[in-house]
Amino acid sequence: MLLNFTATLYHTVFFWLKNPNNKKDRFEFENAIKKLIRNNHLSISCHLGTPADSEQRDVVDSSYTYCYIVNFPSLEDQNKYQIDPHHLLFIEEAKHLWEKVKVYDSLSI
């Protein structure tokens, strides 16, 4: 099987909300991040998801609340994204909702 990756950088962000069962908090977070997705013109594609109901195994971590994956054409574009006003606004609007954020950046090979 040949995989076709169109982006060179994958920016994967996991969010753990302080109150993951609070509907108001989830609504507020989703509105803020969807606004970021709509206004992010540096990326090739975006994915926003929640943990799948996968088979529970030692290697599966379903403890997060949201997963956000952004594909960028280059490391330079990802660096621009970090200081983009839309990204900074998202952080300001939503940071009070999360207790933990973990980022994994990877380059296509």
N, C-alpha and C. Protein backbone atom coordinates (compact mmCIF):
# COMPACT_ATOMS: atom_id res chain seq x y z
N MET A 1 0.85 -1.17 0.00
CA MET A 1 0.00 0.00 0.00
C MET A 1 0.89 1.23 0.00
N LEU A 2 0.64 2.14 -0.90
CA LEU A 2 1.37 3.39 -0.99
C LEU A 2 0.57 4.48 -0.32
N LEU A 3 1.19 5.14 0.65
CA LEU A 3 0.52 6.23 1.33
C LEU A 3 0.89 7.54 0.67
N ASN A 4 -0.08 8.41 0.49
CA ASN A 4 0.16 9.70 -0.14
C ASN A 4 -0.07 10.80 0.89
N PHE A 5 1.02 11.33 1.43
CA PHE A 5 0.93 12.42 2.39
C PHE A 5 1.16 13.72 1.65
N THR A 6 0.21 14.60 1.68
CA THR A 6 0.33 15.86 0.94
C THR A 6 1.04 16.94 1.74
N ALA A 7 1.15 16.79 3.02
CA ALA A 7 1.80 17.81 3.83
C ALA A 7 3.14 17.30 4.34
N THR A 8 4.04 18.21 4.57
CA THR A 8 5.32 17.81 5.13
C THR A 8 5.33 17.86 6.65
N LEU A 9 4.46 18.65 7.25
CA LEU A 9 4.44 18.73 8.70
C LEU A 9 3.04 18.46 9.23
N TYR A 10 2.98 17.56 10.20
CA TYR A 10 1.72 17.24 10.88
C TYR A 10 1.82 17.76 12.31
N HIS A 11 0.94 18.67 12.64
CA HIS A 11 0.89 19.30 13.96
C HIS A 11 -0.29 18.66 14.69
N THR A 12 -0.01 17.78 15.63
CA THR A 12 -1.04 17.03 16.34
C THR A 12 -1.12 17.52 17.77
N VAL A 13 -2.32 17.97 18.16
CA VAL A 13 -2.50 18.57 19.48
C VAL A 13 -3.61 17.81 20.21
N PHE A 14 -3.30 17.38 21.43
CA PHE A 14 -4.28 16.73 22.29
C PHE A 14 -4.65 17.69 23.42
N PHE A 15 -5.95 17.82 23.67
CA PHE A 15 -6.47 18.70 24.71
C PHE A 15 -7.20 17.85 25.76
N TRP A 16 -6.93 18.14 27.00
CA TRP A 16 -7.67 17.58 28.12
C TRP A 16 -8.41 18.73 28.78
N LEU A 17 -9.72 18.76 28.65
CA LEU A 17 -10.50 19.83 29.27
C LEU A 17 -10.58 19.63 30.78
N LYS A 18 -10.70 20.74 31.50
CA LYS A 18 -10.84 20.67 32.96
C LYS A 18 -12.13 19.96 33.34
N ASN A 19 -13.19 20.25 32.59
CA ASN A 19 -14.51 19.66 32.87
C ASN A 19 -15.03 19.00 31.59
N PRO A 20 -14.49 17.84 31.22
CA PRO A 20 -14.82 17.23 29.93
C PRO A 20 -16.29 16.83 29.78
N ASN A 21 -17.01 16.70 30.87
CA ASN A 21 -18.42 16.32 30.78
C ASN A 21 -19.36 17.52 30.82
N ASN A 22 -18.80 18.72 30.90
CA ASN A 22 -19.59 19.93 30.96
C ASN A 22 -19.95 20.36 29.53
N LYS A 23 -21.23 20.30 29.18
CA LYS A 23 -21.67 20.62 27.81
C LYS A 23 -21.36 22.06 27.43
N LYS A 24 -21.49 22.98 28.35
CA LYS A 24 -21.21 24.39 28.07
C LYS A 24 -19.73 24.57 27.73
N ASP A 25 -18.84 23.95 28.50
CA ASP A 25 -17.41 24.05 28.23
C ASP A 25 -17.05 23.43 26.88
N ARG A 26 -17.64 22.28 26.59
CA ARG A 26 -17.36 21.63 25.31
C ARG A 26 -17.85 22.50 24.15
N PHE A 27 -19.02 23.08 24.28
CA PHE A 27 -19.58 23.96 23.26
C PHE A 27 -18.66 25.16 23.04
N GLU A 28 -18.21 25.76 24.13
CA GLU A 28 -17.34 26.93 24.05
C GLU A 28 -16.00 26.57 23.38
N PHE A 29 -15.42 25.43 23.77
CA PHE A 29 -14.17 24.99 23.17
C PHE A 29 -14.35 24.72 21.67
N GLU A 30 -15.39 23.99 21.34
CA GLU A 30 -15.63 23.65 19.93
C GLU A 30 -15.87 24.89 19.08
N ASN A 31 -16.60 25.86 19.59
CA ASN A 31 -16.81 27.10 18.84
C ASN A 31 -15.49 27.82 18.59
N ALA A 32 -14.65 27.90 19.61
CA ALA A 32 -13.37 28.60 19.49
C ALA A 32 -12.45 27.89 18.48
N ILE A 33 -12.35 26.57 18.56
CA ILE A 33 -11.42 25.87 17.68
C ILE A 33 -11.96 25.78 16.25
N LYS A 34 -13.27 25.71 16.09
CA LYS A 34 -13.84 25.71 14.74
C LYS A 34 -13.66 27.06 14.07
N LYS A 35 -13.68 28.13 14.86
CA LYS A 35 -13.39 29.46 14.31
C LYS A 35 -11.93 29.50 13.84
N LEU A 36 -11.03 28.93 14.64
CA LEU A 36 -9.62 28.85 14.24
C LEU A 36 -9.48 28.06 12.94
N ILE A 37 -10.14 26.94 12.84
CA ILE A 37 -10.06 26.11 11.64
C ILE A 37 -10.54 26.89 10.42
N ARG A 38 -11.66 27.58 10.55
CA ARG A 38 -12.21 28.36 9.43
C ARG A 38 -11.25 29.47 8.98
N ASN A 39 -10.51 30.05 9.91
CA ASN A 39 -9.65 31.19 9.61
C ASN A 39 -8.18 30.85 9.39
N ASN A 40 -7.84 29.58 9.49
CA ASN A 40 -6.45 29.17 9.32
C ASN A 40 -6.18 28.95 7.83
N HIS A 41 -5.52 29.91 7.20
CA HIS A 41 -5.24 29.82 5.76
C HIS A 41 -3.82 29.32 5.48
N LEU A 42 -3.10 28.93 6.52
CA LEU A 42 -1.74 28.44 6.35
C LEU A 42 -1.69 26.93 6.18
N SER A 43 -2.74 26.23 6.58
CA SER A 43 -2.73 24.77 6.55
C SER A 43 -3.31 24.20 5.27
N ILE A 44 -2.99 22.95 5.04
CA ILE A 44 -3.55 22.21 3.91
C ILE A 44 -4.88 21.58 4.32
N SER A 45 -4.91 21.00 5.52
CA SER A 45 -6.13 20.38 6.02
C SER A 45 -6.10 20.33 7.54
N CYS A 46 -7.28 20.13 8.13
CA CYS A 46 -7.42 20.06 9.58
C CYS A 46 -8.35 18.91 9.93
N HIS A 47 -8.14 18.37 11.10
CA HIS A 47 -9.01 17.33 11.64
C HIS A 47 -9.26 17.66 13.10
N LEU A 48 -10.51 17.60 13.51
CA LEU A 48 -10.87 17.76 14.92
C LEU A 48 -11.67 16.53 15.30
N GLY A 49 -11.25 15.86 16.37
CA GLY A 49 -11.94 14.64 16.76
C GLY A 49 -11.93 14.42 18.26
N THR A 50 -12.67 13.40 18.65
CA THR A 50 -12.73 12.94 20.03
C THR A 50 -12.28 11.48 20.05
N PRO A 51 -11.98 10.94 21.22
CA PRO A 51 -11.51 9.56 21.27
C PRO A 51 -12.53 8.59 20.65
N ALA A 52 -11.99 7.68 19.85
CA ALA A 52 -12.83 6.64 19.27
C ALA A 52 -13.09 5.55 20.32
N ASP A 53 -14.12 4.80 20.11
CA ASP A 53 -14.45 3.70 21.02
C ASP A 53 -13.65 2.47 20.59
N SER A 54 -12.34 2.64 20.52
CA SER A 54 -11.45 1.55 20.10
C SER A 54 -11.34 0.49 21.18
N GLU A 55 -10.88 -0.67 20.76
CA GLU A 55 -10.61 -1.74 21.71
C GLU A 55 -9.58 -1.24 22.72
N GLN A 56 -9.83 -1.46 23.99
CA GLN A 56 -8.90 -1.03 25.03
C GLN A 56 -7.69 -1.95 25.07
N ARG A 57 -6.52 -1.35 24.80
CA ARG A 57 -5.25 -2.07 24.85
C ARG A 57 -4.25 -1.18 25.59
N ASP A 58 -3.16 -1.75 26.04
CA ASP A 58 -2.15 -0.98 26.79
C ASP A 58 -1.60 0.19 25.99
N VAL A 59 -1.57 0.09 24.68
CA VAL A 59 -0.96 1.13 23.85
C VAL A 59 -1.95 2.23 23.43
N VAL A 60 -3.22 2.07 23.74
CA VAL A 60 -4.24 3.03 23.36
C VAL A 60 -4.49 4.00 24.51
N ASP A 61 -4.35 5.30 24.22
CA ASP A 61 -4.63 6.34 25.21
C ASP A 61 -5.87 7.11 24.76
N SER A 62 -6.94 6.91 25.47
CA SER A 62 -8.19 7.61 25.16
C SER A 62 -8.54 8.62 26.24
N SER A 63 -7.53 9.07 26.96
CA SER A 63 -7.79 9.96 28.10
C SER A 63 -8.03 11.42 27.70
N TYR A 64 -7.68 11.77 26.49
CA TYR A 64 -7.84 13.16 26.04
C TYR A 64 -9.30 13.47 25.72
N THR A 65 -9.61 14.76 25.62
CA THR A 65 -10.97 15.19 25.29
C THR A 65 -11.10 15.46 23.79
N TYR A 66 -10.09 16.14 23.20
CA TYR A 66 -10.10 16.47 21.77
C TYR A 66 -8.72 16.25 21.17
N CYS A 67 -8.73 15.86 19.91
CA CYS A 67 -7.51 15.76 19.12
C CYS A 67 -7.67 16.68 17.91
N TYR A 68 -6.66 17.51 17.69
CA TYR A 68 -6.67 18.47 16.58
C TYR A 68 -5.41 18.22 15.76
N ILE A 69 -5.58 17.86 14.50
CA ILE A 69 -4.44 17.60 13.62
C ILE A 69 -4.49 18.60 12.47
N VAL A 70 -3.37 19.29 12.29
CA VAL A 70 -3.27 20.29 11.23
C VAL A 70 -2.10 19.90 10.34
N ASN A 71 -2.34 19.89 9.04
CA ASN A 71 -1.28 19.59 8.07
C ASN A 71 -0.80 20.88 7.44
N PHE A 72 0.50 21.09 7.51
CA PHE A 72 1.12 22.28 6.93
C PHE A 72 2.06 21.88 5.80
N PRO A 73 2.16 22.71 4.77
CA PRO A 73 3.07 22.39 3.67
C PRO A 73 4.54 22.47 4.04
N SER A 74 4.85 23.16 5.15
CA SER A 74 6.25 23.29 5.54
C SER A 74 6.35 23.64 7.02
N LEU A 75 7.54 23.46 7.56
CA LEU A 75 7.81 23.86 8.93
C LEU A 75 7.68 25.38 9.06
N GLU A 76 8.06 26.10 8.03
CA GLU A 76 7.95 27.55 8.04
C GLU A 76 6.50 27.99 8.19
N ASP A 77 5.58 27.31 7.49
CA ASP A 77 4.16 27.65 7.61
C ASP A 77 3.64 27.35 9.01
N GLN A 78 4.11 26.27 9.60
CA GLN A 78 3.70 25.94 10.96
C GLN A 78 4.22 26.99 11.93
N ASN A 79 5.43 27.47 11.71
CA ASN A 79 5.99 28.52 12.57
C ASN A 79 5.19 29.82 12.44
N LYS A 80 4.75 30.16 11.23
CA LYS A 80 3.91 31.33 11.03
C LYS A 80 2.57 31.17 11.76
N TYR A 81 2.04 29.96 11.72
CA TYR A 81 0.77 29.65 12.38
C TYR A 81 0.86 29.93 13.88
N GLN A 82 2.00 29.63 14.48
CA GLN A 82 2.15 29.80 15.92
C GLN A 82 1.96 31.26 16.36
N ILE A 83 2.27 32.20 15.48
CA ILE A 83 2.13 33.62 15.83
C ILE A 83 0.98 34.29 15.06
N ASP A 84 0.22 33.49 14.33
CA ASP A 84 -0.93 34.02 13.58
C ASP A 84 -1.98 34.55 14.57
N PRO A 85 -2.56 35.71 14.30
CA PRO A 85 -3.57 36.29 15.21
C PRO A 85 -4.76 35.36 15.49
N HIS A 86 -5.17 34.56 14.52
CA HIS A 86 -6.30 33.64 14.73
C HIS A 86 -5.92 32.54 15.72
N HIS A 87 -4.69 32.05 15.64
CA HIS A 87 -4.22 31.03 16.57
C HIS A 87 -4.10 31.61 17.98
N LEU A 88 -3.54 32.81 18.07
CA LEU A 88 -3.40 33.46 19.37
C LEU A 88 -4.75 33.78 20.00
N LEU A 89 -5.72 34.17 19.17
CA LEU A 89 -7.08 34.44 19.67
C LEU A 89 -7.72 33.16 20.20
N PHE A 90 -7.54 32.04 19.49
CA PHE A 90 -8.07 30.75 19.97
C PHE A 90 -7.51 30.44 21.36
N ILE A 91 -6.22 30.61 21.53
CA ILE A 91 -5.60 30.31 22.83
C ILE A 91 -6.23 31.19 23.91
N GLU A 92 -6.37 32.48 23.64
CA GLU A 92 -6.97 33.39 24.62
C GLU A 92 -8.40 32.99 24.95
N GLU A 93 -9.17 32.61 23.94
CA GLU A 93 -10.59 32.28 24.15
C GLU A 93 -10.79 30.94 24.85
N ALA A 94 -9.86 30.02 24.70
CA ALA A 94 -10.12 28.65 25.18
C ALA A 94 -9.18 28.15 26.27
N LYS A 95 -8.09 28.84 26.56
CA LYS A 95 -7.11 28.29 27.50
C LYS A 95 -7.66 28.05 28.90
N HIS A 96 -8.66 28.81 29.28
CA HIS A 96 -9.25 28.61 30.61
C HIS A 96 -10.04 27.30 30.70
N LEU A 97 -10.30 26.67 29.56
CA LEU A 97 -11.09 25.44 29.53
C LEU A 97 -10.26 24.17 29.67
N TRP A 98 -8.97 24.24 29.34
CA TRP A 98 -8.18 23.02 29.38
C TRP A 98 -7.25 22.98 30.59
N GLU A 99 -6.98 21.72 31.00
CA GLU A 99 -6.02 21.52 32.08
C GLU A 99 -4.68 21.05 31.55
N LYS A 100 -4.68 20.51 30.33
CA LYS A 100 -3.44 19.99 29.76
C LYS A 100 -3.54 20.01 28.24
N VAL A 101 -2.42 20.33 27.61
CA VAL A 101 -2.29 20.29 26.15
C VAL A 101 -0.97 19.61 25.84
N LYS A 102 -0.99 18.70 24.89
CA LYS A 102 0.23 18.01 24.47
C LYS A 102 0.32 18.11 22.95
N VAL A 103 1.49 18.50 22.44
CA VAL A 103 1.69 18.70 21.01
C VAL A 103 2.74 17.73 20.50
N TYR A 104 2.46 17.12 19.34
CA TYR A 104 3.41 16.27 18.66
C TYR A 104 3.51 16.78 17.21
N ASP A 105 4.69 17.24 16.84
CA ASP A 105 4.94 17.68 15.47
C ASP A 105 5.80 16.63 14.78
N SER A 106 5.42 16.28 13.55
CA SER A 106 6.21 15.30 12.81
C SER A 106 6.33 15.74 11.36
N LEU A 107 7.49 15.42 10.78
CA LEU A 107 7.76 15.71 9.38
C LEU A 107 7.59 14.45 8.56
N SER A 108 7.00 14.58 7.38
CA SER A 108 6.85 13.43 6.49
C SER A 108 8.23 12.99 6.01
N ILE A 109 8.36 11.69 5.83
CA ILE A 109 9.62 11.14 5.32
C ILE A 109 9.41 10.46 3.99
